[in-house]
N, C-alpha and C. Protein backbone atom coordinates (compact mmCIF):
# COMPACT_ATOMS: atom_id res chain seq x y z
N MET A 1 162.24 197.32 128.62
CA MET A 1 161.43 196.80 127.19
C MET A 1 159.96 196.80 128.01
N LYS A 2 158.78 196.92 126.79
CA LYS A 2 157.61 197.09 126.95
C LYS A 2 157.08 196.27 126.90
N THR A 3 156.20 196.14 128.24
CA THR A 3 155.17 195.10 128.54
C THR A 3 153.95 195.27 127.89
N ILE A 4 152.94 194.31 127.42
CA ILE A 4 151.48 194.54 127.03
C ILE A 4 151.09 195.55 127.85
N THR A 5 151.01 195.57 129.20
CA THR A 5 150.42 196.44 129.85
C THR A 5 151.03 197.88 129.42
N ASN A 6 152.76 198.51 129.51
CA ASN A 6 152.86 199.07 128.95
C ASN A 6 152.06 199.69 127.27
N ILE A 7 152.47 198.71 126.72
CA ILE A 7 151.85 199.30 125.17
C ILE A 7 150.16 199.61 125.76
N LYS A 8 149.46 199.05 126.51
CA LYS A 8 147.81 199.66 126.35
C LYS A 8 148.07 200.91 126.91
N ASP A 9 149.35 201.24 128.09
CA ASP A 9 148.97 202.44 128.35
C ASP A 9 149.77 203.54 127.38
N ILE A 10 150.31 203.16 126.99
CA ILE A 10 150.98 204.30 125.36
C ILE A 10 149.91 204.55 124.91
N LEU A 11 148.88 203.31 124.13
CA LEU A 11 148.12 203.38 122.74
C LEU A 11 146.85 204.26 123.70
N THR A 12 146.17 204.41 124.95
CA THR A 12 145.89 204.89 125.43
C THR A 12 145.51 205.97 125.73
N ARG A 13 147.15 206.33 126.28
CA ARG A 13 147.26 207.73 125.98
C ARG A 13 147.54 208.40 124.67
N TRP A 14 147.80 207.71 123.77
CA TRP A 14 148.20 208.32 123.03
C TRP A 14 145.98 208.51 122.13
N ILE A 15 145.75 207.55 122.06
CA ILE A 15 144.32 207.99 121.63
C ILE A 15 143.43 209.19 122.59
N THR A 16 143.90 208.80 123.75
CA THR A 16 143.46 210.64 124.07
C THR A 16 144.13 211.40 123.78
N ASP A 17 145.28 211.58 123.49
CA ASP A 17 145.77 213.09 123.44
C ASP A 17 145.48 213.20 121.38
N TYR A 18 145.02 211.89 121.12
CA TYR A 18 145.06 212.50 119.43
C TYR A 18 143.56 213.06 119.46
N LEU A 19 142.58 212.26 119.68
CA LEU A 19 140.82 212.77 119.98
C LEU A 19 140.89 214.14 120.56
N LYS A 20 141.50 215.01 121.42
CA LYS A 20 141.88 215.57 122.47
C LYS A 20 142.46 216.75 121.55
N ASN A 21 143.55 216.69 120.86
CA ASN A 21 143.70 217.56 119.62
C ASN A 21 142.65 217.84 118.68
N LYS A 22 142.20 216.50 117.93
CA LYS A 22 141.21 217.11 116.52
C LYS A 22 140.14 217.80 117.15
N ASP A 23 140.03 217.59 118.70
CA ASP A 23 138.54 218.31 119.32
C ASP A 23 138.69 219.84 119.72
N ILE A 24 140.47 220.37 119.57
CA ILE A 24 140.98 221.57 119.85
C ILE A 24 139.95 222.87 119.24
N LEU A 25 139.62 223.01 117.78
CA LEU A 25 138.64 223.82 117.80
C LEU A 25 137.69 223.96 117.89
N ASP A 26 136.65 222.52 117.72
CA ASP A 26 135.16 222.55 117.95
C ASP A 26 135.09 222.45 119.27
N LYS A 27 136.02 221.65 120.09
CA LYS A 27 135.53 221.82 121.51
C LYS A 27 134.11 221.12 121.74
N LYS A 28 133.63 220.10 121.58
CA LYS A 28 132.71 219.57 121.43
C LYS A 28 132.77 218.46 123.00
N ILE A 29 134.07 217.80 123.13
CA ILE A 29 133.97 216.93 124.12
C ILE A 29 133.90 217.68 125.40
N GLN A 30 132.96 216.44 125.81
CA GLN A 30 132.29 217.04 127.36
C GLN A 30 133.00 216.53 128.48
N LYS A 31 133.17 215.17 128.32
CA LYS A 31 133.84 214.39 129.57
C LYS A 31 134.38 213.40 128.99
N ILE A 32 135.58 213.13 129.49
CA ILE A 32 136.37 211.56 129.17
C ILE A 32 136.65 210.78 130.59
N GLU A 33 136.12 209.83 130.54
CA GLU A 33 136.52 208.57 131.52
C GLU A 33 137.35 207.52 131.34
N LYS A 34 137.76 207.03 132.13
CA LYS A 34 138.55 205.92 132.41
C LYS A 34 137.21 204.54 132.59
N GLY A 35 137.37 203.78 131.24
CA GLY A 35 136.38 202.65 131.22
C GLY A 35 136.61 201.46 132.26
N GLY A 36 136.20 200.35 132.05
CA GLY A 36 136.49 198.77 132.76
C GLY A 36 137.84 198.37 132.49
N LYS A 37 138.35 197.30 133.71
CA LYS A 37 139.63 196.93 133.04
C LYS A 37 140.31 195.65 132.35
N THR A 38 138.75 195.20 131.84
CA THR A 38 138.65 193.98 131.11
C THR A 38 138.97 194.30 129.83
N LYS A 39 139.12 193.19 128.63
CA LYS A 39 139.19 193.37 127.40
C LYS A 39 138.01 193.62 126.43
N SER A 40 136.58 192.82 127.45
CA SER A 40 135.54 193.22 126.78
C SER A 40 134.95 194.74 127.44
N GLU A 41 135.42 195.56 128.07
CA GLU A 41 135.14 196.31 128.12
C GLU A 41 135.91 197.65 128.08
N PRO A 42 135.03 198.61 127.04
CA PRO A 42 135.86 199.98 126.76
C PRO A 42 136.72 200.60 127.81
N GLN A 43 137.90 200.71 127.26
CA GLN A 43 138.91 201.57 128.39
C GLN A 43 138.80 202.75 128.65
N ILE A 44 137.98 203.60 127.74
CA ILE A 44 137.87 205.20 128.04
C ILE A 44 136.52 205.08 127.25
N LEU A 45 135.76 206.39 127.97
CA LEU A 45 134.62 206.22 127.74
C LEU A 45 135.06 208.26 127.27
N ILE A 46 133.96 208.31 126.23
CA ILE A 46 134.11 209.95 125.61
C ILE A 46 132.50 210.80 125.30
N GLN A 47 132.17 211.50 125.90
CA GLN A 47 130.93 212.43 125.85
C GLN A 47 131.27 213.65 125.02
N TYR A 48 130.27 212.85 124.01
CA TYR A 48 129.98 214.53 123.11
C TYR A 48 128.43 214.63 123.59
N PRO A 49 127.90 216.42 122.88
CA PRO A 49 126.71 215.98 123.10
C PRO A 49 126.05 215.42 122.05
N GLU A 50 126.34 214.86 121.24
CA GLU A 50 125.16 213.82 120.40
C GLU A 50 125.70 212.52 120.34
N LYS A 51 126.70 212.21 121.18
CA LYS A 51 127.30 210.93 121.06
C LYS A 51 127.91 210.37 122.19
N LYS A 52 128.21 209.47 122.14
CA LYS A 52 128.66 208.66 123.59
C LYS A 52 130.41 207.61 123.30
N LEU A 53 131.19 207.89 122.82
CA LEU A 53 132.40 206.92 122.29
C LEU A 53 133.04 206.28 122.99
N SER A 54 132.95 204.48 123.03
CA SER A 54 133.56 204.14 123.69
C SER A 54 134.61 202.99 122.77
N ILE A 55 135.80 203.49 123.64
CA ILE A 55 136.79 202.96 122.78
C ILE A 55 137.62 202.29 123.76
N TYR A 56 137.69 201.02 123.01
CA TYR A 56 138.96 199.81 122.91
C TYR A 56 140.27 199.71 122.22
N VAL A 57 141.17 199.70 123.74
CA VAL A 57 142.42 199.66 123.24
C VAL A 57 143.06 198.29 123.24
N GLN A 58 143.13 197.39 122.37
CA GLN A 58 143.54 196.28 122.37
C GLN A 58 145.06 196.01 121.49
N PRO A 59 146.08 196.17 122.01
CA PRO A 59 147.02 196.19 121.36
C PRO A 59 147.25 194.98 120.22
N PHE A 60 147.28 193.58 120.80
CA PHE A 60 146.70 192.36 119.91
C PHE A 60 145.81 192.03 119.95
N LEU A 61 144.80 192.05 118.72
CA LEU A 61 143.25 191.57 118.85
C LEU A 61 143.14 190.37 118.52
N LYS A 62 142.49 189.82 119.13
CA LYS A 62 141.98 188.08 118.69
C LYS A 62 140.68 188.27 118.28
N SER A 63 140.14 189.08 117.89
CA SER A 63 138.38 189.20 117.27
C SER A 63 137.84 190.43 118.02
N PHE A 64 137.22 190.60 116.86
CA PHE A 64 136.28 191.29 117.03
C PHE A 64 135.00 191.41 117.73
N GLU A 65 134.83 189.80 117.85
CA GLU A 65 133.75 189.17 118.21
C GLU A 65 133.66 189.89 120.17
N PRO A 66 134.10 189.62 120.90
CA PRO A 66 133.79 190.35 122.13
C PRO A 66 133.44 191.89 122.20
N ILE A 67 134.02 192.87 121.66
CA ILE A 67 134.00 193.80 121.45
C ILE A 67 132.20 194.05 120.64
N LEU A 68 132.02 193.60 119.91
CA LEU A 68 131.09 193.36 118.97
C LEU A 68 129.63 193.35 120.26
N LYS A 69 129.89 191.91 120.38
CA LYS A 69 129.01 191.33 121.14
C LYS A 69 128.52 192.38 122.95
N LYS A 70 129.14 193.20 122.98
CA LYS A 70 128.79 194.45 124.43
C LYS A 70 128.06 195.48 123.89
N GLU A 71 128.25 195.71 122.35
CA GLU A 71 127.51 197.07 122.06
C GLU A 71 126.92 196.69 121.13
N LYS A 72 125.50 198.14 120.51
CA LYS A 72 124.92 197.91 120.02
C LYS A 72 125.23 198.00 118.38
N LYS A 73 124.44 198.00 117.45
CA LYS A 73 125.23 198.14 115.86
C LYS A 73 125.19 200.09 115.83
N GLU A 74 124.26 200.41 116.53
CA GLU A 74 124.39 202.05 116.00
C GLU A 74 125.25 202.91 117.45
N SER A 75 125.80 202.10 118.12
CA SER A 75 126.56 202.34 119.23
C SER A 75 127.94 203.26 118.77
N HIS A 76 128.51 203.82 118.99
CA HIS A 76 130.01 204.57 118.43
C HIS A 76 131.02 204.03 119.36
N ILE A 77 132.15 203.35 118.20
CA ILE A 77 132.87 202.40 119.17
C ILE A 77 134.18 202.57 118.53
N ALA A 78 135.31 202.64 118.92
CA ALA A 78 136.64 203.13 118.13
C ALA A 78 137.34 201.63 118.91
N VAL A 79 137.82 200.98 117.95
CA VAL A 79 139.34 200.10 118.38
C VAL A 79 140.64 200.48 118.25
N VAL A 80 141.82 200.54 119.11
CA VAL A 80 142.78 200.82 118.67
C VAL A 80 143.94 199.61 118.69
N VAL A 81 144.54 199.35 118.08
CA VAL A 81 145.33 198.17 117.72
C VAL A 81 146.80 198.78 117.20
N LEU A 82 147.94 198.20 117.64
CA LEU A 82 149.17 198.09 117.12
C LEU A 82 149.18 198.24 115.88
N ASN A 83 149.69 198.42 114.67
CA ASN A 83 149.90 198.66 113.52
C ASN A 83 151.13 197.20 113.01
N VAL A 84 150.22 195.93 113.07
CA VAL A 84 150.94 194.61 112.96
C VAL A 84 150.02 193.88 112.06
N HIS A 85 150.85 192.76 111.26
CA HIS A 85 150.21 191.82 110.78
C HIS A 85 148.87 191.13 110.90
N GLU A 86 149.19 190.75 112.74
CA GLU A 86 148.18 190.07 113.13
C GLU A 86 147.05 190.93 113.08
N ASN A 87 146.79 191.93 113.31
CA ASN A 87 145.60 192.85 113.72
C ASN A 87 144.86 192.99 112.68
N LEU A 88 145.66 192.83 111.17
CA LEU A 88 145.41 193.28 109.89
C LEU A 88 144.68 192.23 109.64
N LYS A 89 145.12 190.70 109.69
CA LYS A 89 144.70 189.68 109.81
C LYS A 89 143.17 189.36 110.08
N VAL A 90 143.20 189.70 111.40
CA VAL A 90 142.18 189.62 112.10
C VAL A 90 140.87 190.74 111.24
N LEU A 91 141.36 191.91 111.06
CA LEU A 91 139.99 192.80 110.55
C LEU A 91 139.93 192.07 109.10
N LEU A 92 140.77 191.79 108.05
CA LEU A 92 140.07 191.16 107.26
C LEU A 92 139.82 189.62 107.38
N ASP A 93 139.97 188.96 108.76
CA ASP A 93 138.95 187.43 108.58
C ASP A 93 137.46 188.06 109.22
N GLU A 94 137.44 188.98 110.10
CA GLU A 94 136.45 189.32 110.37
C GLU A 94 135.56 190.84 110.02
N TRP A 95 135.52 190.77 108.48
CA TRP A 95 135.49 192.32 108.18
C TRP A 95 134.06 191.65 107.68
N LYS A 96 132.88 190.76 107.16
CA LYS A 96 131.82 190.71 107.34
C LYS A 96 131.09 190.95 108.23
N LYS A 97 131.58 190.75 109.62
CA LYS A 97 130.73 191.36 110.83
C LYS A 97 131.40 192.66 111.11
N VAL A 98 132.11 193.47 111.23
CA VAL A 98 132.94 194.76 111.37
C VAL A 98 132.03 195.76 110.74
N ILE A 99 131.61 195.16 109.39
CA ILE A 99 130.91 195.97 108.72
C ILE A 99 129.47 196.88 108.61
N GLY A 100 129.03 195.45 109.74
CA GLY A 100 127.43 195.76 110.20
C GLY A 100 127.74 196.82 111.55
N TYR A 101 128.65 197.59 111.86
CA TYR A 101 128.51 198.59 112.69
C TYR A 101 128.62 199.90 111.84
N PRO A 102 127.78 200.69 111.59
CA PRO A 102 128.16 201.87 111.00
C PRO A 102 129.33 202.96 111.39
N ASN A 103 128.92 202.88 112.93
CA ASN A 103 129.87 203.72 113.60
C ASN A 103 131.60 203.08 114.10
N LEU A 104 131.84 202.05 113.39
CA LEU A 104 133.03 201.79 114.20
C LEU A 104 134.27 202.11 113.33
N THR A 105 135.11 202.58 114.26
CA THR A 105 136.22 203.01 113.56
C THR A 105 137.33 202.37 114.26
N VAL A 106 138.13 201.83 113.41
CA VAL A 106 139.44 201.38 113.73
C VAL A 106 141.05 201.76 113.15
N TYR A 107 141.79 202.01 114.72
CA TYR A 107 143.22 202.73 114.46
C TYR A 107 144.01 201.54 114.37
N PHE A 108 145.13 201.86 113.73
CA PHE A 108 146.17 201.24 113.27
C PHE A 108 146.88 202.14 113.88
N VAL A 109 147.90 201.53 115.06
CA VAL A 109 149.02 202.65 115.60
C VAL A 109 150.14 202.40 115.86
N ASN A 110 151.37 202.86 115.39
CA ASN A 110 152.84 202.69 115.44
C ASN A 110 153.04 203.74 116.54
N PRO A 111 153.37 203.77 118.01
CA PRO A 111 153.30 204.97 118.49
C PRO A 111 155.04 205.09 118.54
N ASP A 112 155.80 204.56 118.50
CA ASP A 112 157.37 204.58 117.77
C ASP A 112 157.82 205.00 116.52
N SER A 113 156.65 204.82 115.62
CA SER A 113 157.11 205.19 114.08
C SER A 113 157.97 206.74 114.10
N GLU A 114 158.62 206.79 113.33
CA GLU A 114 159.73 208.21 113.09
C GLU A 114 158.49 208.88 111.80
N ASN A 115 157.88 208.36 111.12
CA ASN A 115 156.75 209.16 110.12
C ASN A 115 155.38 209.34 110.99
N GLU A 116 154.54 208.40 109.78
CA GLU A 116 153.26 208.66 110.14
C GLU A 116 153.38 207.49 110.70
N ASN A 117 152.54 208.04 111.76
CA ASN A 117 152.31 206.73 113.26
C ASN A 117 150.67 206.08 113.65
N ARG A 118 149.87 206.22 112.35
CA ARG A 118 148.72 205.65 112.25
C ARG A 118 147.44 205.56 110.75
N TRP A 119 147.04 204.61 110.77
CA TRP A 119 146.20 204.86 110.06
C TRP A 119 144.93 203.98 110.24
N VAL A 120 143.87 204.70 109.86
CA VAL A 120 142.53 204.65 110.13
C VAL A 120 141.54 204.51 109.36
N ILE A 121 140.44 202.98 109.71
CA ILE A 121 139.51 202.51 108.78
C ILE A 121 138.04 202.83 109.48
N TYR A 122 137.08 203.01 108.24
CA TYR A 122 135.64 202.88 108.89
C TYR A 122 135.00 201.84 108.22
N PRO A 123 135.21 200.60 108.50
CA PRO A 123 134.95 199.10 108.05
C PRO A 123 133.56 199.62 107.05
N TYR A 124 132.08 200.00 107.62
CA TYR A 124 131.37 200.34 107.44
C TYR A 124 131.19 201.38 105.78
N THR A 125 131.76 202.26 106.09
CA THR A 125 131.94 203.26 104.68
C THR A 125 132.94 202.86 104.05
N HIS A 126 133.93 202.12 104.45
CA HIS A 126 134.94 202.03 103.41
C HIS A 126 134.55 200.54 102.47
N ASN A 127 133.46 199.90 103.30
CA ASN A 127 133.02 199.06 102.11
C ASN A 127 132.06 199.13 101.16
N MET A 128 131.74 200.49 101.55
CA MET A 128 130.51 200.93 100.72
C MET A 128 131.38 201.37 99.30
N TRP A 129 132.57 201.70 99.80
CA TRP A 129 133.47 202.41 97.98
C TRP A 129 134.16 201.35 97.32
N CYS A 130 134.56 200.28 98.18
CA CYS A 130 135.35 199.56 98.05
C CYS A 130 135.31 198.37 97.26
N ASP A 131 136.14 197.80 96.02
CA ASP A 131 135.54 196.76 95.26
C ASP A 131 135.99 195.28 96.47
N VAL A 132 135.12 194.95 96.40
CA VAL A 132 135.56 193.33 97.16
C VAL A 132 136.77 192.65 96.91
N LYS A 133 136.64 192.49 95.34
CA LYS A 133 137.63 191.55 94.90
C LYS A 133 139.25 192.37 95.41
N SER A 134 139.13 193.61 95.64
CA SER A 134 140.65 194.49 95.46
C SER A 134 140.65 194.84 97.29
N LEU A 135 139.51 194.40 98.27
CA LEU A 135 139.53 195.01 99.69
C LEU A 135 141.26 194.34 100.28
N LYS A 136 141.27 192.88 100.24
CA LYS A 136 142.89 192.96 100.99
C LYS A 136 144.02 193.71 100.38
N ALA A 137 144.26 193.62 99.03
CA ALA A 137 145.36 194.36 98.38
C ALA A 137 145.34 195.94 99.52
N GLY A 138 143.97 196.25 99.06
CA GLY A 138 144.24 197.61 99.46
C GLY A 138 143.63 198.25 100.87
N LEU A 139 143.51 197.01 101.90
CA LEU A 139 143.86 197.11 103.62
C LEU A 139 145.46 196.99 103.87
N ILE A 140 146.33 196.32 102.71
CA ILE A 140 148.00 196.01 102.81
C ILE A 140 148.53 197.55 102.57
N SER A 141 147.76 197.79 101.83
CA SER A 141 148.12 199.35 100.83
C SER A 141 148.09 200.27 102.29
N LEU A 142 147.21 200.87 103.10
CA LEU A 142 146.98 201.30 104.21
C LEU A 142 147.73 200.86 105.33
N PHE A 143 148.34 199.73 105.34
CA PHE A 143 148.60 199.20 106.38
C PHE A 143 150.36 199.89 106.40
N GLN A 144 151.26 199.90 105.12
CA GLN A 144 151.95 200.02 104.89
C GLN A 144 152.37 201.40 104.89
N THR A 145 151.00 202.15 104.93
CA THR A 145 151.40 203.64 104.85
C THR A 145 152.14 203.93 106.46
N VAL A 146 152.31 203.12 107.16
CA VAL A 146 152.56 203.51 108.59
C VAL A 146 153.67 201.84 109.15
N GLU A 147 154.99 202.77 109.54
CA GLU A 147 155.70 201.26 109.90
C GLU A 147 155.10 200.46 110.90
N GLU A 148 155.45 198.95 110.79
CA GLU A 148 154.65 198.01 111.06
C GLU A 148 155.39 198.40 112.54
N TYR A 149 154.82 198.09 113.88
CA TYR A 149 155.22 198.10 115.12
C TYR A 149 155.99 196.68 115.30
N GLY A 150 157.59 197.46 115.90
CA GLY A 150 158.33 196.70 116.09
C GLY A 150 158.94 195.79 115.14
N SER A 151 159.07 196.89 113.96
CA SER A 151 160.01 196.21 112.91
C SER A 151 161.02 197.01 113.03
């Protein structure tokens, strides 16, 4: 049986491998470090020539608030969560907060999926192009591209 610690470790390994694989051709990653142990600290720090990426792995996200309080608006931030309805609800509920961070990326992941295992959203950029009236329907459509974790 998977515990929350196991799931967090699985997601941490998943995002590290994913970003390393994306960097195979560019070879821009200079350093990958383990971060802090608390929820309000990034679990992974990746140094690129032009930026430092702080990665927060939160399988079940209660709020973006503790993360956003720690980071500057111009910081490069990634939040990795499980693809579950509760996490989608947090994103929708806190949409107006997260769109204020231009370099925020949210990864919704199901490491157990047989097919597609992730969908990614850049709230700031998405907000520039989406119709506010159809935001919820659009995010639900994206959510459904990956099996819900645990289903």
